[in-house]
C-alpha atoms as a PDB file:
ATOM      1  CA  MET A   1     -55.145-156.196 198.383  1.00  0.00           C
ATOM      2  CA  THR A   2     -53.969-155.339 201.845  1.00  0.00           C
ATOM      3  CA  ALA A   3     -50.540-153.750 202.738  1.00  0.00           C
ATOM      4  CA  LEU A   4     -49.738-157.002 204.398  1.00  0.00           C
ATOM      5  CA  HIS A   5     -50.875-159.037 201.296  1.00  0.00           C
ATOM      6  CA  THR A   6     -48.921-156.541 199.048  1.00  0.00           C
ATOM      7  CA  ARG A   7     -45.570-156.848 201.206  1.00  0.00           C
ATOM      8  CA  ILE A   8     -46.076-160.980 201.081  1.00  0.00           C
ATOM      9  CA  ALA A   9     -46.528-160.778 197.523  1.00  0.00           C
ATOM     10  CA  LEU A  10     -43.346-158.596 197.043  1.00  0.00           C
ATOM     11  CA  PHE A  11     -41.134-160.673 199.377  1.00  0.00           C
ATOM     12  CA  ALA A  12     -42.309-163.922 197.630  1.00  0.00           C
ATOM     13  CA  ALA A  13     -41.350-162.223 194.252  1.00  0.00           C
ATOM     14  CA  THR A  14     -37.908-161.088 195.717  1.00  0.00           C
ATOM     15  CA  ALA A  15     -37.062-164.347 197.163  1.00  0.00           C
ATOM     16  CA  GLY A  16     -37.843-166.102 193.982  1.00  0.00           C
ATOM     17  CA  LEU A  17     -35.580-163.562 191.773  1.00  0.00           C
ATOM     18  CA  ALA A  18     -32.796-164.244 194.384  1.00  0.00           C
ATOM     19  CA  ALA A  19     -33.019-168.030 194.375  1.00  0.00           C
ATOM     20  CA  GLY A  20     -33.124-167.765 190.451  1.00  0.00           C
ATOM     21  CA  GLY A  21     -29.880-165.888 190.530  1.00  0.00           C
ATOM     22  CA  MET A  22     -28.260-168.270 192.763  1.00  0.00           C
ATOM     23  CA  MET A  23     -29.314-171.080 190.443  1.00  0.00           C
ATOM     24  CA  LEU A  24     -27.659-169.160 187.433  1.00  0.00           C
ATOM     25  CA  ALA A  25     -24.309-168.679 189.394  1.00  0.00           C
ATOM     26  CA  THR A  26     -24.060-172.521 189.539  1.00  0.00           C
ATOM     27  CA  PRO A  27     -22.336-174.134 186.657  1.00  0.00           C
ATOM     28  CA  ALA A  28     -24.615-176.042 184.277  1.00  0.00           C
ATOM     29  CA  SER A  29     -21.772-178.619 183.761  1.00  0.00           C
ATOM     30  CA  ALA A  30     -20.566-179.928 187.175  1.00  0.00           C
ATOM     31  CA  GLY A  31     -21.033-183.147 188.418  1.00  0.00           C
ATOM     32  CA  THR A  32     -20.250-184.174 192.128  1.00  0.00           C
ATOM     33  CA  ILE A  33     -18.686-187.443 193.285  1.00  0.00           C
ATOM     34  CA  PRO A  34     -19.616-187.628 197.152  1.00  0.00           C
ATOM     35  CA  GLY A  35     -17.238-188.446 199.678  1.00  0.00           C
ATOM     36  CA  GLY A  36     -16.794-191.419 201.921  1.00  0.00           C
ATOM     37  CA  ASP A  37     -14.905-192.918 204.777  1.00  0.00           C
ATOM     38  CA  GLU A  38     -12.608-194.752 202.786  1.00  0.00           C
ATOM     39  CA  ASP A  39      -9.095-193.855 201.388  1.00  0.00           C
ATOM     40  CA  ILE A  40      -9.493-195.789 198.252  1.00  0.00           C
ATOM     41  CA  CYS A  41      -6.708-193.933 196.321  1.00  0.00           C
ATOM     42  CA  GLY A  42      -4.050-193.097 198.725  1.00  0.00           C
ATOM     43  CA  VAL A  43      -3.124-189.845 197.149  1.00  0.00           C
ATOM     44  CA  GLN A  44      -4.857-186.702 196.170  1.00  0.00           C
ATOM     45  CA  LEU A  45      -6.195-187.921 192.859  1.00  0.00           C
ATOM     46  CA  CYS A  46      -6.407-191.276 191.111  1.00  0.00           C
ATOM     47  CA  LEU A  47      -7.609-191.541 187.535  1.00  0.00           C
ATOM     48  CA  THR A  48      -8.255-195.011 185.531  1.00  0.00           C
ATOM     49  CA  PHE A  49      -8.658-195.806 182.126  1.00  0.00           C
ATOM     50  CA  ASN A  50     -11.860-197.833 182.726  1.00  0.00           C
ATOM     51  CA  SER A  51     -15.233-197.203 184.646  1.00  0.00           C
ATOM     52  CA  ASN A  52     -15.497-198.359 187.896  1.00  0.00           C
ATOM     53  CA  GLY A  53     -11.780-198.174 189.209  1.00  0.00           C
ATOM     54  CA  GLU A  54     -10.466-200.643 186.601  1.00  0.00           C
ATOM     55  CA  GLY A  55      -7.823-200.760 183.617  1.00  0.00           C
ATOM     56  CA  SER A  56      -4.519-198.702 183.650  1.00  0.00           C
ATOM     57  CA  GLU A  57      -4.196-196.030 186.494  1.00  0.00           C
ATOM     58  CA  TRP A  58      -2.668-192.706 187.197  1.00  0.00           C
ATOM     59  CA  TYR A  59      -2.144-190.822 190.242  1.00  0.00           C
ATOM     60  CA  SER A  60      -0.799-187.607 191.631  1.00  0.00           C
ATOM     61  CA  ASP A  61      -0.292-186.175 195.223  1.00  0.00           C
ATOM     62  CA  THR A  62       0.156-182.451 194.100  1.00  0.00           C
ATOM     63  CA  PRO A  63      -2.635-180.024 194.793  1.00  0.00           C
ATOM     64  CA  GLU A  64      -2.801-179.012 191.015  1.00  0.00           C
ATOM     65  CA  VAL A  65      -1.879-180.108 187.477  1.00  0.00           C
ATOM     66  CA  SER A  66      -2.768-177.447 185.099  1.00  0.00           C
ATOM     67  CA  ASP A  67      -2.481-179.743 181.968  1.00  0.00           C
ATOM     68  CA  LEU A  68      -2.466-183.446 181.773  1.00  0.00           C
ATOM     69  CA  GLY A  69      -0.858-183.418 178.462  1.00  0.00           C
ATOM     70  CA  GLY A  70       2.020-185.764 178.402  1.00  0.00           C
ATOM     71  CA  ALA A  71       0.802-187.693 181.729  1.00  0.00           C
ATOM     72  CA  GLN A  72       0.321-191.299 180.854  1.00  0.00           C
ATOM     73  CA  PHE A  73      -1.553-194.345 182.352  1.00  0.00           C
ATOM     74  CA  GLY A  74       0.611-197.002 184.205  1.00  0.00           C
ATOM     75  CA  GLN A  75       0.065-200.272 185.945  1.00  0.00           C
ATOM     76  CA  GLY A  76      -3.538-200.619 187.315  1.00  0.00           C
ATOM     77  CA  PRO A  77      -4.976-202.365 190.470  1.00  0.00           C
ATOM     78  CA  THR A  78      -5.872-205.551 188.364  1.00  0.00           C
ATOM     79  CA  THR A  79      -3.489-208.413 187.969  1.00  0.00           C
ATOM     80  CA  SER A  80      -3.357-207.747 184.320  1.00  0.00           C
ATOM     81  CA  GLY A  81      -2.423-204.190 184.928  1.00  0.00           C
ATOM     82  CA  GLY A  82      -5.257-203.030 182.843  1.00  0.00           C
ATOM     83  CA  ASN A  83      -5.436-201.948 179.505  1.00  0.00           C
ATOM     84  CA  CYS A  84      -4.275-198.950 177.667  1.00  0.00           C
ATOM     85  CA  ILE A  85      -0.950-198.840 179.756  1.00  0.00           C
ATOM     86  CA  GLY A  86       1.049-195.896 178.127  1.00  0.00           C
ATOM     87  CA  CYS A  87      -1.932-194.090 176.739  1.00  0.00           C
ATOM     88  CA  LEU A  88      -2.434-190.423 177.659  1.00  0.00           C
ATOM     89  CA  VAL A  89      -4.336-189.436 180.562  1.00  0.00           C
ATOM     90  CA  LYS A  90      -5.777-186.395 178.983  1.00  0.00           C
ATOM     91  CA  ASN A  91      -9.056-187.088 177.750  1.00  0.00           C
ATOM     92  CA  ASN A  92      -9.206-190.813 178.345  1.00  0.00           C
ATOM     93  CA  ALA A  93     -10.062-191.245 182.131  1.00  0.00           C
ATOM     94  CA  ALA A  94     -13.342-192.614 183.058  1.00  0.00           C
ATOM     95  CA  TRP A  95     -13.129-192.843 187.055  1.00  0.00           C
ATOM     96  CA  GLY A  96     -11.675-190.826 189.713  1.00  0.00           C
ATOM     97  CA  ALA A  97     -10.955-191.038 193.081  1.00  0.00           C
ATOM     98  CA  ASN A  98      -9.870-188.446 195.887  1.00  0.00           C
ATOM     99  CA  GLY A  99      -7.403-189.995 198.621  1.00  0.00           C
ATOM    100  CA  GLY A 100      -6.654-186.378 199.954  1.00  0.00           C
ATOM    101  CA  TYR A 101      -8.353-184.212 202.597  1.00  0.00           C
ATOM    102  CA  GLN A 102      -9.607-181.599 200.213  1.00  0.00           C
ATOM    103  CA  SER A 103     -11.998-181.653 197.360  1.00  0.00           C
ATOM    104  CA  VAL A 104     -10.688-182.107 193.869  1.00  0.00           C
ATOM    105  CA  TYR A 105     -11.991-180.453 190.821  1.00  0.00           C
ATOM    106  CA  VAL A 106     -11.420-182.333 187.540  1.00  0.00           C
ATOM    107  CA  TYR A 107     -11.689-179.911 184.430  1.00  0.00           C
ATOM    108  CA  VAL A 108     -12.373-180.281 180.937  1.00  0.00           C
ATOM    109  CA  ASN A 109      -9.899-177.938 180.028  1.00  0.00           C
ATOM    110  CA  SER A 110      -6.321-177.226 180.615  1.00  0.00           C
ATOM    111  CA  ALA A 111      -5.308-173.898 182.642  1.00  0.00           C
ATOM    112  CA  ALA A 112      -4.404-172.243 179.326  1.00  0.00           C
ATOM    113  CA  TYR A 113      -7.887-172.504 177.891  1.00  0.00           C
ATOM    114  CA  GLY A 114      -9.894-171.577 180.931  1.00  0.00           C
ATOM    115  CA  TRP A 115     -10.341-174.567 183.129  1.00  0.00           C
ATOM    116  CA  GLY A 116     -14.133-175.086 182.153  1.00  0.00           C
ATOM    117  CA  ALA A 117     -16.656-177.325 183.372  1.00  0.00           C
ATOM    118  CA  TYR A 118     -15.736-180.013 185.944  1.00  0.00           C
ATOM    119  CA  ASP A 119     -16.559-182.825 188.134  1.00  0.00           C
ATOM    120  CA  LEU A 120     -16.109-182.316 191.867  1.00  0.00           C
ATOM    121  CA  ILE A 121     -14.593-185.332 193.817  1.00  0.00           C
ATOM    122  CA  GLU A 122     -15.079-184.805 197.511  1.00  0.00           C
ATOM    123  CA  PRO A 123     -12.509-186.264 200.062  1.00  0.00           C
ATOM    124  CA  GLY A 124     -12.697-190.041 199.961  1.00  0.00           C
ATOM    125  CA  GLY A 125     -15.041-189.994 197.059  1.00  0.00           C
ATOM    126  CA  GLU A 126     -14.747-192.281 194.178  1.00  0.00           C
ATOM    127  CA  GLY A 127     -16.630-192.973 191.061  1.00  0.00           C
ATOM    128  CA  ASN A 128     -17.119-192.597 187.208  1.00  0.00           C
ATOM    129  CA  LEU A 129     -16.675-189.233 186.094  1.00  0.00           C
ATOM    130  CA  MET A 130     -19.792-187.526 184.987  1.00  0.00           C
ATOM    131  CA  THR A 131     -19.082-184.133 183.001  1.00  0.00           C
ATOM    132  CA  THR A 132     -15.469-185.006 182.436  1.00  0.00           C
ATOM    133  CA  TYR A 133     -15.765-188.667 181.273  1.00  0.00           C
ATOM    134  CA  ASN A 134     -13.206-189.139 178.843  1.00  0.00           C
ATOM    135  CA  ASN A 135     -12.828-185.288 178.544  1.00  0.00           C
ATOM    136  CA  GLU A 136     -10.660-184.124 181.031  1.00  0.00           C
ATOM    137  CA  ALA A 137      -7.584-181.937 180.867  1.00  0.00           C
ATOM    138  CA  SER A 138      -6.511-180.779 184.128  1.00  0.00           C
ATOM    139  CA  TYR A 139      -7.325-180.844 188.023  1.00  0.00           C
ATOM    140  CA  SER A 140      -6.987-178.568 191.085  1.00  0.00           C
ATOM    141  CA  ILE A 141      -8.106-178.528 194.790  1.00  0.00           C
ATOM    142  CA  TYR A 142      -9.052-174.902 193.974  1.00  0.00           C
ATOM    143  CA  TYR A 143     -11.963-173.695 192.293  1.00  0.00           C
ATOM    144  CA  ARG A 144     -11.171-172.158 188.958  1.00  0.00           C
ATOM    145  CA  GLY A 145     -14.431-171.224 187.615  1.00  0.00           C
END
C-alpha cells in the first residue's frame, strides 16, 4: 500500500469514527415535527387530547412549563368542544402545534425527573406527537437534554 493509500484509508476510518460519534450524540428518542408557514396555534404551544388537532385543547404562551401536572384540557376547536374537557394534560396529549417563533421541546419527564426524551416542534409546525404521544410531562423552548 502506498503512503497515499494509507493516508486515504486512515482519513476514511477517522471520518467514520467521527460520524459514528456524532450519531451517538443525537438522542435516540426524539421526534421532529417540521415547521410551516401557518400560525395554526396563535401561542407558543397548543396540545390537544386527540390526534390531528381534535378534541379538547390546552395552550400556553410561556417559554417553559417544567411540569404539566395540574394543567387541564379546555374547550377545543370543534363545535362540541372536544372530548376530555377537564382531563389532565400530563400524559394525555396526542397532538401539538407551535405558534411561536422558537422551536418547542415537549419532554416525557418533568424537570424534577430530568426532562428526558422529547418531540421537537419547529415554529409554525403542527402534527401528532411521536415520542411523547400520551406521554408528555413538560415543555421548553430550551433544549434540556
